[in-house]
């Protein structure tokens, strides 16, 4: 949350959103954001049937949306409070790289998604500049290569459909760099994914689970830069 208030955080949010939103088929769909997805969910609310935001216990929860009753909830990411096949689209960001038990989370993700549902995952790219710097949330946790992410999806009955990259600019608040962010994105796409900071993938849920569900103690690592806050500011309480 604090990161997205910085100049670098604001521009990175716009650059990721420009790549993510065309990948999200949300018209009339039930949409769930997992991790810290709220900066990207606002622009999906008008087209979706409903939108929810689930934030992990150790990350904390923030009131969202600011102009309406909260649609955000504090959850155990390995025991999501939804029935089977409850959602059509999942957007997970600042989530996978911080989980200790990816196997259990992917099985839970398969359970709550409807047949043919889409999941959109945003993760730090293993060899990208952003994964090497701990001054942003993308520099913490476990980054991924494309092969690792594709294998994780396929092993849990999700078929990758679309791959994209974003954040080609260096992770710096240096003003001249931020003013040239769009140029970095354009040049980065021409030069290839080697300079990208994050990967985005949209995958389709298959009908049958690839692995049997197992039980594990819920665990989630702390995410520096994403600080929890009360649902309402304390000054509003009488």
C-alpha atoms as a PDB file:
ATOM      1  CA  UNK A   1       0.000   0.000   0.000  1.00  0.00           C
ATOM      2  CA  UNK A   2       2.749   2.455   0.904  1.00  0.00           C
ATOM      3  CA  UNK A   3       4.616   1.519  -2.267  1.00  0.00           C
ATOM      4  CA  UNK A   4       1.635   2.413  -4.483  1.00  0.00           C
ATOM      5  CA  UNK A   5       1.581   5.909  -2.960  1.00  0.00           C
ATOM      6  CA  UNK A   6       5.110   6.609  -4.180  1.00  0.00           C
ATOM      7  CA  UNK A   7       5.819   8.039  -7.673  1.00  0.00           C
ATOM      8  CA  UNK A   8       7.301   4.697  -8.775  1.00  0.00           C
ATOM      9  CA  UNK A   9       4.340   2.822  -7.293  1.00  0.00           C
ATOM     10  CA  UNK A  10       1.805   4.965  -9.128  1.00  0.00           C
ATOM     11  CA  UNK A  11       3.461   4.581 -12.522  1.00  0.00           C
ATOM     12  CA  UNK A  12       4.055   0.847 -12.036  1.00  0.00           C
ATOM     13  CA  UNK A  13       0.367   0.393 -11.190  1.00  0.00           C
ATOM     14  CA  UNK A  14      -0.645   2.124 -14.427  1.00  0.00           C
ATOM     15  CA  UNK A  15       1.808   0.116 -16.523  1.00  0.00           C
ATOM     16  CA  UNK A  16       0.677  -3.215 -15.053  1.00  0.00           C
ATOM     17  CA  UNK A  17      -2.998  -2.248 -15.373  1.00  0.00           C
ATOM     18  CA  UNK A  18      -2.529  -1.340 -19.052  1.00  0.00           C
ATOM     19  CA  UNK A  19      -1.241  -4.866 -19.651  1.00  0.00           C
ATOM     20  CA  UNK A  20      -3.547  -6.738 -17.268  1.00  0.00           C
ATOM     21  CA  UNK A  21      -6.959  -5.258 -18.071  1.00  0.00           C
ATOM     22  CA  UNK A  22      -7.111  -6.388 -21.741  1.00  0.00           C
ATOM     23  CA  UNK A  23      -6.389  -9.918 -20.478  1.00  0.00           C
ATOM     24  CA  UNK A  24      -9.368  -9.918 -18.081  1.00  0.00           C
ATOM     25  CA  UNK A  25     -12.678 -11.056 -19.666  1.00  0.00           C
ATOM     26  CA  UNK A  26     -14.891  -9.798 -16.832  1.00  0.00           C
ATOM     27  CA  UNK A  27     -18.152  -8.697 -18.488  1.00  0.00           C
ATOM     28  CA  UNK A  28     -20.951 -10.246 -16.434  1.00  0.00           C
ATOM     29  CA  UNK A  29     -18.449 -12.379 -14.510  1.00  0.00           C
ATOM     30  CA  UNK A  30     -17.809 -13.011 -10.824  1.00  0.00           C
ATOM     31  CA  UNK A  31     -14.330 -11.629 -10.138  1.00  0.00           C
ATOM     32  CA  UNK A  32     -12.010 -12.283  -7.195  1.00  0.00           C
ATOM     33  CA  UNK A  33      -8.771 -10.441  -6.453  1.00  0.00           C
ATOM     34  CA  UNK A  34      -6.239 -12.260  -4.271  1.00  0.00           C
ATOM     35  CA  UNK A  35      -3.215 -10.694  -2.580  1.00  0.00           C
ATOM     36  CA  UNK A  36      -3.040  -6.938  -3.020  1.00  0.00           C
ATOM     37  CA  UNK A  37      -5.171  -6.668  -6.151  1.00  0.00           C
ATOM     38  CA  UNK A  38      -7.355  -3.686  -5.233  1.00  0.00           C
ATOM     39  CA  UNK A  39      -5.344  -1.125  -7.262  1.00  0.00           C
ATOM     40  CA  UNK A  40      -6.330  -3.138 -10.347  1.00  0.00           C
ATOM     41  CA  UNK A  41      -9.914  -4.044  -9.452  1.00  0.00           C
ATOM     42  CA  UNK A  42     -11.480  -0.566  -9.582  1.00  0.00           C
ATOM     43  CA  UNK A  43     -11.523  -0.525 -13.375  1.00  0.00           C
ATOM     44  CA  UNK A  44     -13.196  -3.969 -13.486  1.00  0.00           C
ATOM     45  CA  UNK A  45     -16.181  -3.158 -11.258  1.00  0.00           C
ATOM     46  CA  UNK A  46     -18.421  -1.585 -13.908  1.00  0.00           C
ATOM     47  CA  UNK A  47     -18.386  -4.598 -16.244  1.00  0.00           C
ATOM     48  CA  UNK A  48     -18.290  -7.470 -13.750  1.00  0.00           C
ATOM     49  CA  UNK A  49     -21.328  -9.008 -12.077  1.00  0.00           C
ATOM     50  CA  UNK A  50     -19.528  -8.691  -8.749  1.00  0.00           C
ATOM     51  CA  UNK A  51     -15.979  -8.104  -7.522  1.00  0.00           C
ATOM     52  CA  UNK A  52     -14.400  -9.238  -4.250  1.00  0.00           C
ATOM     53  CA  UNK A  53     -10.935  -8.710  -2.795  1.00  0.00           C
ATOM     54  CA  UNK A  54      -9.314 -11.290  -0.502  1.00  0.00           C
ATOM     55  CA  UNK A  55      -6.220 -10.205   1.415  1.00  0.00           C
ATOM     56  CA  UNK A  56      -3.995 -12.646   3.334  1.00  0.00           C
ATOM     57  CA  UNK A  57      -3.972 -12.605   7.119  1.00  0.00           C
ATOM     58  CA  UNK A  58      -0.372 -11.453   7.543  1.00  0.00           C
ATOM     59  CA  UNK A  59      -0.703  -8.757   4.903  1.00  0.00           C
ATOM     60  CA  UNK A  60      -3.676  -7.112   6.563  1.00  0.00           C
ATOM     61  CA  UNK A  61      -6.833  -5.756   5.003  1.00  0.00           C
ATOM     62  CA  UNK A  62      -7.744  -2.303   3.738  1.00  0.00           C
ATOM     63  CA  UNK A  63     -11.226  -0.906   3.178  1.00  0.00           C
ATOM     64  CA  UNK A  64     -12.061  -1.219  -0.530  1.00  0.00           C
ATOM     65  CA  UNK A  65     -13.655   0.415  -2.442  1.00  0.00           C
ATOM     66  CA  UNK A  66     -13.247   3.725  -0.641  1.00  0.00           C
ATOM     67  CA  UNK A  67     -16.586   5.114  -1.868  1.00  0.00           C
ATOM     68  CA  UNK A  68     -18.811   2.145  -0.956  1.00  0.00           C
ATOM     69  CA  UNK A  69     -19.339  -0.607   1.630  1.00  0.00           C
ATOM     70  CA  UNK A  70     -16.242  -2.778   1.796  1.00  0.00           C
ATOM     71  CA  UNK A  71     -15.865  -5.683  -0.616  1.00  0.00           C
ATOM     72  CA  UNK A  72     -12.546  -6.751   0.922  1.00  0.00           C
ATOM     73  CA  UNK A  73     -11.994  -9.541   3.442  1.00  0.00           C
ATOM     74  CA  UNK A  74      -9.100 -10.855   5.512  1.00  0.00           C
ATOM     75  CA  UNK A  75      -8.616 -14.563   4.701  1.00  0.00           C
ATOM     76  CA  UNK A  76      -6.386 -17.592   5.001  1.00  0.00           C
ATOM     77  CA  UNK A  77      -5.208 -18.002   1.368  1.00  0.00           C
ATOM     78  CA  UNK A  78      -5.136 -21.784   1.816  1.00  0.00           C
ATOM     79  CA  UNK A  79      -8.731 -21.939   3.118  1.00  0.00           C
ATOM     80  CA  UNK A  80     -10.671 -19.425   1.037  1.00  0.00           C
ATOM     81  CA  UNK A  81     -14.200 -18.753   2.368  1.00  0.00           C
ATOM     82  CA  UNK A  82     -16.007 -19.612  -0.879  1.00  0.00           C
ATOM     83  CA  UNK A  83     -18.040 -22.544  -2.116  1.00  0.00           C
ATOM     84  CA  UNK A  84     -16.812 -24.721  -4.977  1.00  0.00           C
ATOM     85  CA  UNK A  85     -16.944 -23.088  -8.454  1.00  0.00           C
ATOM     86  CA  UNK A  86     -17.835 -19.712  -6.944  1.00  0.00           C
ATOM     87  CA  UNK A  87     -15.920 -17.339  -9.241  1.00  0.00           C
ATOM     88  CA  UNK A  88     -15.270 -16.939 -12.969  1.00  0.00           C
ATOM     89  CA  UNK A  89     -12.125 -14.770 -12.980  1.00  0.00           C
ATOM     90  CA  UNK A  90      -9.291 -14.586 -10.445  1.00  0.00           C
ATOM     91  CA  UNK A  91      -6.658 -11.847 -10.444  1.00  0.00           C
ATOM     92  CA  UNK A  92      -3.718 -12.698  -8.157  1.00  0.00           C
ATOM     93  CA  UNK A  93      -0.950 -10.147  -7.593  1.00  0.00           C
ATOM     94  CA  UNK A  94       1.479  -9.885  -4.670  1.00  0.00           C
ATOM     95  CA  UNK A  95       0.309 -13.390  -3.819  1.00  0.00           C
ATOM     96  CA  UNK A  96       2.096 -16.411  -5.295  1.00  0.00           C
ATOM     97  CA  UNK A  97       5.651 -15.221  -4.623  1.00  0.00           C
ATOM     98  CA  UNK A  98       4.921 -14.914  -0.874  1.00  0.00           C
ATOM     99  CA  UNK A  99       3.263 -18.285  -0.278  1.00  0.00           C
ATOM    100  CA  UNK A 100       5.084 -21.108   1.489  1.00  0.00           C
ATOM    101  CA  UNK A 101       2.706 -23.768   0.144  1.00  0.00           C
ATOM    102  CA  UNK A 102       2.021 -23.180  -3.543  1.00  0.00           C
ATOM    103  CA  UNK A 103       0.677 -26.701  -4.030  1.00  0.00           C
ATOM    104  CA  UNK A 104      -2.113 -26.196  -1.515  1.00  0.00           C
ATOM    105  CA  UNK A 105      -2.938 -22.740  -2.832  1.00  0.00           C
ATOM    106  CA  UNK A 106      -3.225 -23.943  -6.441  1.00  0.00           C
ATOM    107  CA  UNK A 107      -5.554 -26.736  -5.370  1.00  0.00           C
ATOM    108  CA  UNK A 108      -7.684 -24.221  -3.483  1.00  0.00           C
ATOM    109  CA  UNK A 109      -7.681 -21.971  -6.554  1.00  0.00           C
ATOM    110  CA  UNK A 110      -8.925 -24.864  -8.690  1.00  0.00           C
ATOM    111  CA  UNK A 111     -11.681 -25.594  -6.155  1.00  0.00           C
ATOM    112  CA  UNK A 112     -13.188 -22.103  -6.031  1.00  0.00           C
ATOM    113  CA  UNK A 113     -13.118 -21.431  -9.796  1.00  0.00           C
ATOM    114  CA  UNK A 114     -15.988 -22.393 -12.086  1.00  0.00           C
ATOM    115  CA  UNK A 115     -15.498 -24.737 -15.059  1.00  0.00           C
ATOM    116  CA  UNK A 116     -13.695 -22.845 -17.800  1.00  0.00           C
ATOM    117  CA  UNK A 117     -12.787 -19.994 -15.422  1.00  0.00           C
ATOM    118  CA  UNK A 118      -9.744 -17.807 -16.045  1.00  0.00           C
ATOM    119  CA  UNK A 119      -6.981 -17.045 -13.571  1.00  0.00           C
ATOM    120  CA  UNK A 120      -4.626 -14.119 -14.179  1.00  0.00           C
ATOM    121  CA  UNK A 121      -1.370 -14.298 -12.253  1.00  0.00           C
ATOM    122  CA  UNK A 122       1.116 -11.437 -11.903  1.00  0.00           C
ATOM    123  CA  UNK A 123       4.529 -12.441 -10.532  1.00  0.00           C
ATOM    124  CA  UNK A 124       8.078 -11.030 -10.424  1.00  0.00           C
ATOM    125  CA  UNK A 125      10.237 -12.269 -13.283  1.00  0.00           C
ATOM    126  CA  UNK A 126      13.181 -14.246 -11.929  1.00  0.00           C
ATOM    127  CA  UNK A 127      15.918 -12.482 -13.913  1.00  0.00           C
ATOM    128  CA  UNK A 128      14.268  -9.070 -14.029  1.00  0.00           C
ATOM    129  CA  UNK A 129      15.687  -5.936 -12.400  1.00  0.00           C
ATOM    130  CA  UNK A 130      12.667  -5.618 -10.104  1.00  0.00           C
ATOM    131  CA  UNK A 131      13.254  -9.021  -8.491  1.00  0.00           C
ATOM    132  CA  UNK A 132      16.820  -7.945  -7.620  1.00  0.00           C
ATOM    133  CA  UNK A 133      15.809  -4.805  -5.699  1.00  0.00           C
ATOM    134  CA  UNK A 134      14.134  -5.063  -2.289  1.00  0.00           C
ATOM    135  CA  UNK A 135      12.842  -1.478  -2.374  1.00  0.00           C
ATOM    136  CA  UNK A 136       9.545  -2.618  -3.949  1.00  0.00           C
ATOM    137  CA  UNK A 137       7.154  -5.499  -3.109  1.00  0.00           C
ATOM    138  CA  UNK A 138       8.268  -7.258  -6.314  1.00  0.00           C
ATOM    139  CA  UNK A 139      11.751  -7.644  -4.815  1.00  0.00           C
ATOM    140  CA  UNK A 140      10.539  -9.879  -1.973  1.00  0.00           C
ATOM    141  CA  UNK A 141       9.448 -13.489  -1.978  1.00  0.00           C
ATOM    142  CA  UNK A 142      10.026 -16.103  -4.668  1.00  0.00           C
ATOM    143  CA  UNK A 143      10.298 -14.845  -8.290  1.00  0.00           C
ATOM    144  CA  UNK A 144       9.420 -17.120 -11.210  1.00  0.00           C
ATOM    145  CA  UNK A 145      10.676 -18.040 -14.636  1.00  0.00           C
ATOM    146  CA  UNK A 146       8.119 -18.632 -17.373  1.00  0.00           C
ATOM    147  CA  UNK A 147       8.836 -22.359 -17.362  1.00  0.00           C
ATOM    148  CA  UNK A 148       8.317 -22.588 -13.592  1.00  0.00           C
ATOM    149  CA  UNK A 149       5.005 -20.741 -13.750  1.00  0.00           C
ATOM    150  CA  UNK A 150       3.780 -22.760 -16.737  1.00  0.00           C
ATOM    151  CA  UNK A 151       4.641 -26.018 -14.968  1.00  0.00           C
ATOM    152  CA  UNK A 152       2.879 -24.912 -11.787  1.00  0.00           C
ATOM    153  CA  UNK A 153      -0.290 -24.125 -13.739  1.00  0.00           C
ATOM    154  CA  UNK A 154      -0.283 -27.287 -15.840  1.00  0.00           C
ATOM    155  CA  UNK A 155       0.409 -29.486 -12.820  1.00  0.00           C
ATOM    156  CA  UNK A 156      -2.796 -28.155 -11.242  1.00  0.00           C
ATOM    157  CA  UNK A 157      -5.123 -28.339 -14.262  1.00  0.00           C
ATOM    158  CA  UNK A 158      -4.789 -24.781 -15.579  1.00  0.00           C
ATOM    159  CA  UNK A 159      -3.807 -24.293 -19.220  1.00  0.00           C
ATOM    160  CA  UNK A 160      -1.853 -21.089 -20.005  1.00  0.00           C
ATOM    161  CA  UNK A 161      -3.498 -19.063 -22.797  1.00  0.00           C
ATOM    162  CA  UNK A 162      -1.817 -15.647 -22.894  1.00  0.00           C
ATOM    163  CA  UNK A 163       1.604 -14.466 -21.687  1.00  0.00           C
ATOM    164  CA  UNK A 164       2.574 -10.825 -21.249  1.00  0.00           C
ATOM    165  CA  UNK A 165       5.357  -8.812 -19.561  1.00  0.00           C
ATOM    166  CA  UNK A 166       5.474  -5.363 -17.963  1.00  0.00           C
ATOM    167  CA  UNK A 167       7.711  -2.993 -15.981  1.00  0.00           C
ATOM    168  CA  UNK A 168      10.659  -2.567 -18.326  1.00  0.00           C
ATOM    169  CA  UNK A 169      11.733   0.652 -16.625  1.00  0.00           C
ATOM    170  CA  UNK A 170      14.312   0.415 -13.810  1.00  0.00           C
ATOM    171  CA  UNK A 171      12.812   0.331 -10.271  1.00  0.00           C
ATOM    172  CA  UNK A 172      13.828   3.881  -9.349  1.00  0.00           C
ATOM    173  CA  UNK A 173      12.027   7.048  -8.239  1.00  0.00           C
ATOM    174  CA  UNK A 174      14.425   9.144 -10.353  1.00  0.00           C
ATOM    175  CA  UNK A 175      12.058  11.653 -11.993  1.00  0.00           C
ATOM    176  CA  UNK A 176      13.517  11.627 -15.552  1.00  0.00           C
ATOM    177  CA  UNK A 177      13.197   7.834 -15.642  1.00  0.00           C
ATOM    178  CA  UNK A 178       9.558   7.954 -14.515  1.00  0.00           C
ATOM    179  CA  UNK A 179       8.733  10.544 -17.173  1.00  0.00           C
ATOM    180  CA  UNK A 180      10.099   8.135 -19.789  1.00  0.00           C
ATOM    181  CA  UNK A 181       8.229   5.081 -18.436  1.00  0.00           C
ATOM    182  CA  UNK A 182       6.063   4.648 -21.546  1.00  0.00           C
ATOM    183  CA  UNK A 183       9.154   4.809 -23.747  1.00  0.00           C
ATOM    184  CA  UNK A 184      10.816   2.098 -21.651  1.00  0.00           C
ATOM    185  CA  UNK A 185       7.731  -0.107 -22.062  1.00  0.00           C
ATOM    186  CA  UNK A 186       7.636   0.375 -25.835  1.00  0.00           C
ATOM    187  CA  UNK A 187      11.351  -0.265 -26.288  1.00  0.00           C
ATOM    188  CA  UNK A 188      11.285  -3.210 -23.888  1.00  0.00           C
ATOM    189  CA  UNK A 189       8.611  -4.985 -25.901  1.00  0.00           C
ATOM    190  CA  UNK A 190      10.667  -4.503 -29.061  1.00  0.00           C
ATOM    191  CA  UNK A 191      13.856  -5.829 -27.436  1.00  0.00           C
ATOM    192  CA  UNK A 192      12.197  -8.837 -25.792  1.00  0.00           C
ATOM    193  CA  UNK A 193      11.217  -9.969 -22.306  1.00  0.00           C
ATOM    194  CA  UNK A 194      14.752  -9.986 -20.893  1.00  0.00           C
ATOM    195  CA  UNK A 195      14.299  -6.552 -19.320  1.00  0.00           C
ATOM    196  CA  UNK A 196      10.748  -7.067 -17.971  1.00  0.00           C
ATOM    197  CA  UNK A 197      10.185  -6.854 -14.229  1.00  0.00           C
ATOM    198  CA  UNK A 198       6.965  -8.878 -14.000  1.00  0.00           C
ATOM    199  CA  UNK A 199       5.214 -11.632 -15.928  1.00  0.00           C
ATOM    200  CA  UNK A 200       1.476 -11.897 -16.453  1.00  0.00           C
ATOM    201  CA  UNK A 201      -0.283 -15.057 -17.553  1.00  0.00           C
ATOM    202  CA  UNK A 202      -3.931 -15.872 -18.164  1.00  0.00           C
ATOM    203  CA  UNK A 203      -4.814 -19.548 -17.785  1.00  0.00           C
ATOM    204  CA  UNK A 204      -8.026 -21.549 -18.236  1.00  0.00           C
ATOM    205  CA  UNK A 205      -9.278 -24.031 -15.652  1.00  0.00           C
ATOM    206  CA  UNK A 206      -9.588 -27.607 -16.895  1.00  0.00           C
ATOM    207  CA  UNK A 207     -12.439 -29.861 -15.823  1.00  0.00           C
ATOM    208  CA  UNK A 208     -10.562 -32.401 -13.722  1.00  0.00           C
ATOM    209  CA  UNK A 209      -8.049 -31.779 -10.906  1.00  0.00           C
ATOM    210  CA  UNK A 210      -4.526 -32.988 -11.579  1.00  0.00           C
ATOM    211  CA  UNK A 211      -3.710 -33.749  -7.931  1.00  0.00           C
ATOM    212  CA  UNK A 212      -5.577 -34.854  -4.819  1.00  0.00           C
ATOM    213  CA  UNK A 213      -6.284 -32.196  -2.212  1.00  0.00           C
ATOM    214  CA  UNK A 214      -4.171 -32.378   0.936  1.00  0.00           C
ATOM    215  CA  UNK A 215      -4.285 -30.489   4.210  1.00  0.00           C
ATOM    216  CA  UNK A 216      -1.490 -28.178   5.338  1.00  0.00           C
ATOM    217  CA  UNK A 217      -1.084 -25.600   8.097  1.00  0.00           C
ATOM    218  CA  UNK A 218      -1.793 -22.154   6.603  1.00  0.00           C
ATOM    219  CA  UNK A 219       1.308 -20.039   6.128  1.00  0.00           C
ATOM    220  CA  UNK A 220       1.948 -16.738   4.381  1.00  0.00           C
ATOM    221  CA  UNK A 221       5.047 -14.599   4.480  1.00  0.00           C
ATOM    222  CA  UNK A 222       5.112 -10.930   5.437  1.00  0.00           C
ATOM    223  CA  UNK A 223       5.091  -8.558   2.458  1.00  0.00           C
ATOM    224  CA  UNK A 224       7.227  -5.455   3.074  1.00  0.00           C
ATOM    225  CA  UNK A 225       5.742  -2.291   1.605  1.00  0.00           C
ATOM    226  CA  UNK A 226       2.120  -3.457   1.887  1.00  0.00           C
ATOM    227  CA  UNK A 227       1.115  -2.271   5.341  1.00  0.00           C
ATOM    228  CA  UNK A 228      -2.325  -3.029   6.725  1.00  0.00           C
ATOM    229  CA  UNK A 229      -4.719  -0.336   7.890  1.00  0.00           C
ATOM    230  CA  UNK A 230      -8.100  -0.247   9.675  1.00  0.00           C
ATOM    231  CA  UNK A 231     -11.207  -0.667   7.555  1.00  0.00           C
ATOM    232  CA  UNK A 232     -12.196   2.889   8.537  1.00  0.00           C
ATOM    233  CA  UNK A 233      -9.910   5.649   9.869  1.00  0.00           C
ATOM    234  CA  UNK A 234     -10.010   5.833  13.662  1.00  0.00           C
ATOM    235  CA  UNK A 235     -11.315   9.404  13.541  1.00  0.00           C
ATOM    236  CA  UNK A 236     -14.591   8.077  12.090  1.00  0.00           C
ATOM    237  CA  UNK A 237     -15.363   5.994  15.157  1.00  0.00           C
ATOM    238  CA  UNK A 238     -17.640   7.596  17.728  1.00  0.00           C
END
